[in-house]
């Protein structure tokens, strides 16, 4: 059970007012008219509510109450799954702000405006997550719980790695995507196209940051997911837990990779690229024109054989009926 606290994390300064009695009559009428027109805006700009749980403090406006309630109810369970999955623990209370509009979303960013296509961002040092309300997203749709899992994974990783060397961007985003299970055919298509056209982005180019251009950034996310998925599926989750734990203690990346997986970053990238080629290289074969004609011919033969079998059964049935009639 949670309590609703009235607060204003979105900031609201004091406003000075002029009494209507001191204004001319026509000004009073104009002021009243403007006041009536501004009622919907006043409702929209109402003070946000803050709902605390054991490890979170959710702040949102009234119009997003129904949107976020489900997430608030399951937030603690989602957190438990993520920290268990990663073998990490995130201390302190994480503040989660749900911005009701794009303007508010940008204004809340402590480091200034971010990419227009962004729907959420995490700040591990501040233990802060800022999400854009699904109501304000014009294109596409994503579950709020999926966005939350992605961003809280950033919080857990970022706070575990405080004081150590900067964590590679591909590791940060790859783990976040893996934990939030945000995968669809569009992203499968993006990574498949990059593999088949030999246009994968080198890991060295997505270590410090991701590309600004949207399609290249999308490919960087896809590659990061597939790399983390490769490590976990090929070598097991216990090994990945050891990797994260040792790396978060400040051991250089290459040394940790050699100690845990027996290969350097360059060797890992080479092995992972070979894995991707093996995984996707068969797709053009089964989608080629020759393969499609072969499948059509096979279906025709099967259908023809089934039809002849049905006729044979019918003729046999007629013969039996004739014998019985005689």
Protein backbone atom coordinates (compact mmCIF):
# COMPACT_ATOMS: atom_id res chain seq x y z
CA UNK A 1 0.00 0.00 0.00
CA UNK A 2 1.39 3.40 -0.89
CA UNK A 3 0.84 6.98 0.19
CA UNK A 4 0.32 9.95 -2.14
CA UNK A 5 2.39 12.98 -1.21
CA UNK A 6 1.86 16.44 -2.67
CA UNK A 7 5.13 17.93 -3.83
CA UNK A 8 6.58 19.82 -6.77
CA UNK A 9 9.77 18.23 -8.11
CA UNK A 10 9.09 19.92 -11.44
CA UNK A 11 9.61 23.35 -9.78
CA UNK A 12 7.06 26.15 -9.36
CA UNK A 13 7.96 29.68 -8.37
CA UNK A 14 5.76 32.19 -6.51
CA UNK A 15 3.61 34.44 -8.67
CA UNK A 16 2.59 38.03 -7.87
CA UNK A 17 -1.04 39.06 -8.55
CA UNK A 18 -2.85 42.39 -9.00
CA UNK A 19 -6.29 42.66 -7.24
CA UNK A 20 -9.12 43.03 -9.77
CA UNK A 21 -10.66 45.84 -7.71
CA UNK A 22 -7.76 48.14 -8.61
CA UNK A 23 -8.28 47.65 -12.36
CA UNK A 24 -10.70 49.51 -14.69
CA UNK A 25 -14.02 47.72 -15.34
CA UNK A 26 -13.10 46.72 -18.91
CA UNK A 27 -9.90 45.19 -17.59
CA UNK A 28 -11.93 43.20 -15.06
CA UNK A 29 -14.16 41.78 -17.81
CA UNK A 30 -11.11 40.92 -19.90
CA UNK A 31 -9.40 39.30 -16.93
CA UNK A 32 -12.47 37.18 -16.16
CA UNK A 33 -12.70 36.05 -19.79
CA UNK A 34 -9.03 35.11 -19.85
CA UNK A 35 -9.45 33.29 -16.55
CA UNK A 36 -12.25 31.17 -18.00
CA UNK A 37 -10.18 30.34 -21.05
CA UNK A 38 -7.21 29.34 -18.92
CA UNK A 39 -9.03 26.76 -16.78
CA UNK A 40 -7.96 23.75 -18.93
CA UNK A 41 -4.36 25.03 -18.93
CA UNK A 42 -4.43 25.38 -15.16
CA UNK A 43 -5.60 21.79 -14.85
CA UNK A 44 -2.83 20.65 -17.17
CA UNK A 45 -0.23 22.53 -15.13
CA UNK A 46 -1.44 21.11 -11.79
CA UNK A 47 1.13 20.18 -9.19
CA UNK A 48 2.56 16.70 -9.61
CA UNK A 49 1.96 13.89 -7.16
CA UNK A 50 4.73 11.80 -5.64
CA UNK A 51 4.09 8.15 -4.74
CA UNK A 52 6.84 6.45 -2.71
CA UNK A 53 7.61 2.72 -2.61
CA UNK A 54 10.44 0.94 -0.80
CA UNK A 55 13.11 1.79 -3.40
CA UNK A 56 11.41 4.41 -5.63
CA UNK A 57 9.69 7.79 -5.57
CA UNK A 58 7.39 8.26 -8.60
CA UNK A 59 6.40 11.81 -9.57
CA UNK A 60 3.72 12.47 -12.18
CA UNK A 61 0.80 14.72 -13.08
CA UNK A 62 -2.86 13.89 -12.58
CA UNK A 63 -3.53 13.13 -16.25
CA UNK A 64 -0.96 10.31 -16.10
CA UNK A 65 -2.33 8.75 -12.91
CA UNK A 66 -3.93 5.76 -14.66
CA UNK A 67 -0.95 5.41 -17.01
CA UNK A 68 1.61 4.93 -14.25
CA UNK A 69 -0.33 3.12 -11.52
CA UNK A 70 0.34 -0.32 -12.96
CA UNK A 71 4.08 0.38 -13.10
CA UNK A 72 4.11 1.62 -9.49
CA UNK A 73 2.42 -1.62 -8.37
CA UNK A 74 5.01 -3.85 -10.08
CA UNK A 75 8.13 -1.66 -9.74
CA UNK A 76 9.59 -3.45 -6.73
CA UNK A 77 9.21 -6.87 -8.36
CA UNK A 78 10.79 -5.62 -11.59
CA UNK A 79 13.69 -4.19 -9.57
CA UNK A 80 14.18 -7.50 -7.73
CA UNK A 81 14.30 -9.41 -11.06
CA UNK A 82 16.91 -7.06 -12.54
CA UNK A 83 19.31 -6.95 -9.58
CA UNK A 84 19.05 -10.74 -9.24
CA UNK A 85 19.61 -11.23 -12.95
CA UNK A 86 22.71 -9.00 -12.93
CA UNK A 87 24.08 -10.16 -9.61
CA UNK A 88 24.17 -6.52 -8.46
CA UNK A 89 22.50 -4.37 -5.83
CA UNK A 90 21.40 -0.76 -6.33
CA UNK A 91 21.37 1.20 -3.08
CA UNK A 92 19.25 4.23 -2.25
CA UNK A 93 15.88 5.47 -3.50
CA UNK A 94 15.55 6.01 -7.25
CA UNK A 95 13.51 9.05 -8.29
CA UNK A 96 11.29 8.43 -11.32
CA UNK A 97 9.69 11.41 -13.10
CA UNK A 98 7.02 10.87 -15.76
CA UNK A 99 6.86 13.98 -17.98
CA UNK A 100 3.42 14.62 -19.43
CA UNK A 101 4.74 16.46 -22.52
CA UNK A 102 7.84 16.64 -24.68
CA UNK A 103 8.56 20.20 -23.50
CA UNK A 104 8.42 19.11 -19.88
CA UNK A 105 10.58 16.07 -20.66
CA UNK A 106 13.29 18.28 -22.15
CA UNK A 107 13.03 20.87 -19.37
CA UNK A 108 13.57 18.21 -16.67
CA UNK A 109 16.90 17.04 -18.07
CA UNK A 110 19.67 18.08 -15.62
CA UNK A 111 22.25 18.17 -18.42
CA UNK A 112 20.15 20.13 -20.92
CA UNK A 113 18.17 18.95 -23.93
CA UNK A 114 18.75 15.47 -25.37
CA UNK A 115 17.86 13.73 -28.65
CA UNK A 116 14.32 14.40 -29.82
CA UNK A 117 13.70 10.69 -30.48
CA UNK A 118 14.52 9.74 -26.89
CA UNK A 119 11.65 8.45 -24.73
CA UNK A 120 13.50 8.03 -21.43
CA UNK A 121 16.89 8.65 -19.85
CA UNK A 122 18.66 7.50 -16.68
CA UNK A 123 21.17 9.43 -14.55
CA UNK A 124 22.94 6.89 -12.30
CA UNK A 125 24.94 9.47 -10.31
CA UNK A 126 21.71 11.28 -9.36
CA UNK A 127 19.79 7.97 -9.04
CA UNK A 128 17.25 9.54 -11.38
CA UNK A 129 15.03 8.30 -14.23
CA UNK A 130 13.04 10.66 -16.47
CA UNK A 131 10.45 9.13 -18.80
CA UNK A 132 8.15 10.65 -21.38
CA UNK A 133 4.51 9.73 -20.92
CA UNK A 134 3.24 7.22 -23.54
CA UNK A 135 0.41 9.70 -24.17
CA UNK A 136 2.96 12.19 -25.54
CA UNK A 137 4.66 9.73 -27.91
CA UNK A 138 3.16 10.31 -31.36
CA UNK A 139 4.90 7.50 -33.26
CA UNK A 140 5.19 3.92 -32.14
CA UNK A 141 4.19 2.40 -28.82
CA UNK A 142 6.17 0.87 -26.00
CA UNK A 143 5.01 -0.46 -22.66
CA UNK A 144 5.94 1.81 -19.75
CA UNK A 145 7.21 -1.20 -17.79
CA UNK A 146 9.61 -2.04 -20.66
CA UNK A 147 10.99 1.51 -20.66
CA UNK A 148 11.31 1.41 -16.87
CA UNK A 149 13.25 -1.89 -16.89
CA UNK A 150 15.64 -0.52 -19.51
CA UNK A 151 16.35 2.65 -17.55
CA UNK A 152 16.58 1.02 -14.13
CA UNK A 153 19.16 -1.41 -15.56
CA UNK A 154 21.22 1.70 -16.43
CA UNK A 155 20.83 2.87 -12.83
CA UNK A 156 21.95 -0.49 -11.38
CA UNK A 157 24.94 -0.77 -13.73
CA UNK A 158 25.96 2.88 -13.44
CA UNK A 159 25.92 2.87 -9.65
CA UNK A 160 27.83 -0.44 -9.51
CA UNK A 161 30.54 1.04 -11.74
CA UNK A 162 30.95 4.34 -9.90
CA UNK A 163 34.61 5.09 -9.32
CA UNK A 164 35.83 2.65 -11.97
CA UNK A 165 36.78 3.26 -15.59
CA UNK A 166 33.94 4.35 -17.86
CA UNK A 167 31.73 1.43 -18.80
CA UNK A 168 31.50 0.90 -22.60
CA UNK A 169 28.32 2.23 -24.12
CA UNK A 170 27.69 -1.06 -25.90
CA UNK A 171 27.78 -2.87 -22.55
CA UNK A 172 25.47 -0.35 -20.86
CA UNK A 173 22.87 -0.39 -23.63
CA UNK A 174 23.22 -4.07 -24.47
CA UNK A 175 22.53 -5.18 -20.90
CA UNK A 176 19.62 -2.71 -20.61
CA UNK A 177 18.02 -4.06 -23.79
CA UNK A 178 18.60 -7.66 -22.71
CA UNK A 179 16.97 -7.06 -19.32
CA UNK A 180 13.97 -5.17 -20.74
CA UNK A 181 13.40 -7.82 -23.46
CA UNK A 182 12.69 -5.03 -25.96
CA UNK A 183 13.06 -6.89 -29.23
CA UNK A 184 10.94 -6.92 -32.37
CA UNK A 185 11.10 -7.84 -36.06
CA UNK A 186 12.24 -4.31 -37.00
CA UNK A 187 15.41 -4.71 -34.97
CA UNK A 188 16.00 -8.25 -36.23
CA UNK A 189 15.75 -6.84 -39.75
CA UNK A 190 18.24 -4.06 -38.93
CA UNK A 191 20.93 -6.41 -37.59
CA UNK A 192 20.34 -8.94 -40.38
CA UNK A 193 20.74 -6.25 -43.05
CA UNK A 194 23.96 -5.01 -41.45
CA UNK A 195 25.40 -8.54 -41.28
CA UNK A 196 24.52 -9.40 -44.87
CA UNK A 197 25.84 -6.09 -46.24
CA UNK A 198 28.93 -6.13 -44.00
CA UNK A 199 28.05 -2.75 -42.46
CA UNK A 200 28.27 -3.60 -38.76
CA UNK A 201 29.68 -0.75 -36.66
CA UNK A 202 33.06 -1.59 -35.06
CA UNK A 203 32.82 -1.86 -31.27
CA UNK A 204 35.53 0.79 -30.95
CA UNK A 205 33.10 3.30 -32.50
CA UNK A 206 30.28 2.58 -30.03
CA UNK A 207 32.39 2.39 -26.87
CA UNK A 208 32.32 6.05 -25.84
CA UNK A 209 29.00 7.04 -27.42
CA UNK A 210 26.41 6.01 -29.98
CA UNK A 211 25.93 7.73 -33.36
CA UNK A 212 23.62 10.76 -33.43
CA UNK A 213 21.92 9.72 -36.68
CA UNK A 214 18.78 7.74 -35.83
CA UNK A 215 19.27 4.68 -38.09
CA UNK A 216 22.92 4.27 -37.09
CA UNK A 217 21.97 4.69 -33.44
CA UNK A 218 19.31 1.99 -33.86
CA UNK A 219 21.92 -0.36 -35.34
CA UNK A 220 24.25 0.38 -32.41
CA UNK A 221 21.48 -0.65 -29.99
CA UNK A 222 20.87 -3.84 -32.00
CA UNK A 223 24.55 -4.77 -32.03
CA UNK A 224 24.85 -4.16 -28.30
CA UNK A 225 21.91 -6.43 -27.56
CA UNK A 226 23.27 -9.23 -29.73
CA UNK A 227 26.73 -9.01 -28.17
CA UNK A 228 25.40 -9.33 -24.61
CA UNK A 229 23.01 -12.06 -25.72
CA UNK A 230 25.98 -13.89 -27.28
CA UNK A 231 28.02 -13.72 -24.05
CA UNK A 232 25.16 -14.96 -21.87
CA UNK A 233 23.86 -17.68 -24.18
CA UNK A 234 27.26 -19.03 -25.23
CA UNK A 235 29.09 -18.90 -21.88
CA UNK A 236 26.30 -18.87 -19.29
CA UNK A 237 24.87 -16.39 -16.81
CA UNK A 238 27.24 -17.26 -13.91
CA UNK A 239 30.20 -16.31 -16.09
CA UNK A 240 28.49 -13.06 -17.03
CA UNK A 241 27.87 -12.30 -13.34
CA UNK A 242 31.60 -12.83 -12.68
CA UNK A 243 32.46 -10.57 -15.61
CA UNK A 244 30.24 -7.72 -14.35
CA UNK A 245 31.41 -8.12 -10.76
CA UNK A 246 35.13 -8.16 -11.59
CA UNK A 247 34.83 -5.34 -14.10
CA UNK A 248 32.88 -3.15 -11.65
CA UNK A 249 35.74 -3.47 -9.12
CA UNK A 250 37.99 -1.51 -11.46
CA UNK A 251 39.83 -4.27 -13.33
CA UNK A 252 40.60 -3.19 -16.94
CA UNK A 253 38.15 -4.55 -19.52
CA UNK A 254 40.67 -6.59 -21.54
CA UNK A 255 42.09 -8.25 -18.44
CA UNK A 256 38.60 -9.20 -17.20
CA UNK A 257 37.65 -10.63 -20.60
CA UNK A 258 40.83 -12.72 -20.72
CA UNK A 259 40.37 -13.93 -17.11
CA UNK A 260 36.68 -14.82 -17.51
CA UNK A 261 36.28 -15.70 -21.19
CA UNK A 262 39.85 -16.41 -22.26
CA UNK A 263 39.92 -13.77 -25.01
CA UNK A 264 40.59 -10.07 -25.52
CA UNK A 265 38.00 -7.55 -26.73
CA UNK A 266 39.29 -7.82 -30.32
CA UNK A 267 39.03 -11.61 -30.19
CA UNK A 268 35.55 -11.39 -28.69
CA UNK A 269 34.41 -9.07 -31.48
CA UNK A 270 35.83 -11.40 -34.14
CA UNK A 271 34.12 -14.46 -32.62
CA UNK A 272 30.83 -12.58 -32.22
CA UNK A 273 30.88 -11.42 -35.87
CA UNK A 274 31.44 -15.00 -37.03
CA UNK A 275 28.49 -16.07 -34.87
CA UNK A 276 26.26 -13.43 -36.47
CA UNK A 277 27.27 -14.49 -39.99
CA UNK A 278 26.48 -18.12 -39.21
CA UNK A 279 23.16 -17.12 -37.70
CA UNK A 280 21.96 -14.95 -40.58
CA UNK A 281 23.79 -16.18 -43.70
CA UNK A 282 21.19 -18.91 -44.41
CA UNK A 283 18.33 -16.40 -44.70
CA UNK A 284 19.10 -15.27 -48.29
CA UNK A 285 19.20 -18.93 -49.35
CA UNK A 286 15.68 -19.73 -48.18
CA UNK A 287 14.32 -16.40 -49.46
CA UNK A 288 15.87 -16.63 -52.95
CA UNK A 289 13.71 -17.04 -56.07
CA UNK A 290 15.00 -20.59 -56.63
CA UNK A 291 14.07 -21.62 -53.10
CA UNK A 292 10.60 -20.11 -53.43
CA UNK A 293 9.94 -21.95 -56.72
CA UNK A 294 11.17 -25.18 -55.13
CA UNK A 295 8.78 -24.72 -52.19
CA UNK A 296 5.88 -23.98 -54.55
CA UNK A 297 6.64 -27.09 -56.60
CA UNK A 298 6.87 -29.18 -53.42
CA UNK A 299 3.52 -27.85 -52.20
CA UNK A 300 1.96 -28.63 -55.59
CA UNK A 301 3.28 -32.23 -55.49
CA UNK A 302 2.02 -32.70 -51.93
CA UNK A 303 -1.40 -31.27 -52.80
CA UNK A 304 -1.62 -33.46 -55.94
CA UNK A 305 -0.64 -36.56 -53.97
CA UNK A 306 -3.24 -35.81 -51.32
CA UNK A 307 -5.92 -35.31 -53.97
CA UNK A 308 -5.09 -38.64 -55.67
CA UNK A 309 -5.15 -40.38 -52.29
CA UNK A 310 -8.60 -38.95 -51.57
CA UNK A 311 -9.88 -40.12 -54.96
CA UNK A 312 -8.43 -43.61 -54.42
CA UNK A 313 -10.23 -43.89 -51.09
CA UNK A 314 -13.46 -42.77 -52.74
CA UNK A 315 -13.18 -45.37 -55.52
CA UNK A 316 -12.46 -48.10 -52.97
CA UNK A 317 -15.54 -47.05 -51.00
CA UNK A 318 -17.70 -47.25 -54.14
CA UNK A 319 -16.37 -50.74 -54.91
CA UNK A 320 -17.27 -51.90 -51.40
CA UNK A 321 -20.77 -50.47 -51.72
CA UNK A 322 -21.28 -52.24 -55.07
CA UNK A 323 -20.18 -55.58 -53.59
CA UNK A 324 -22.58 -55.16 -50.67
CA UNK A 325 -25.40 -54.28 -53.11
CA UNK A 326 -24.84 -57.49 -55.11
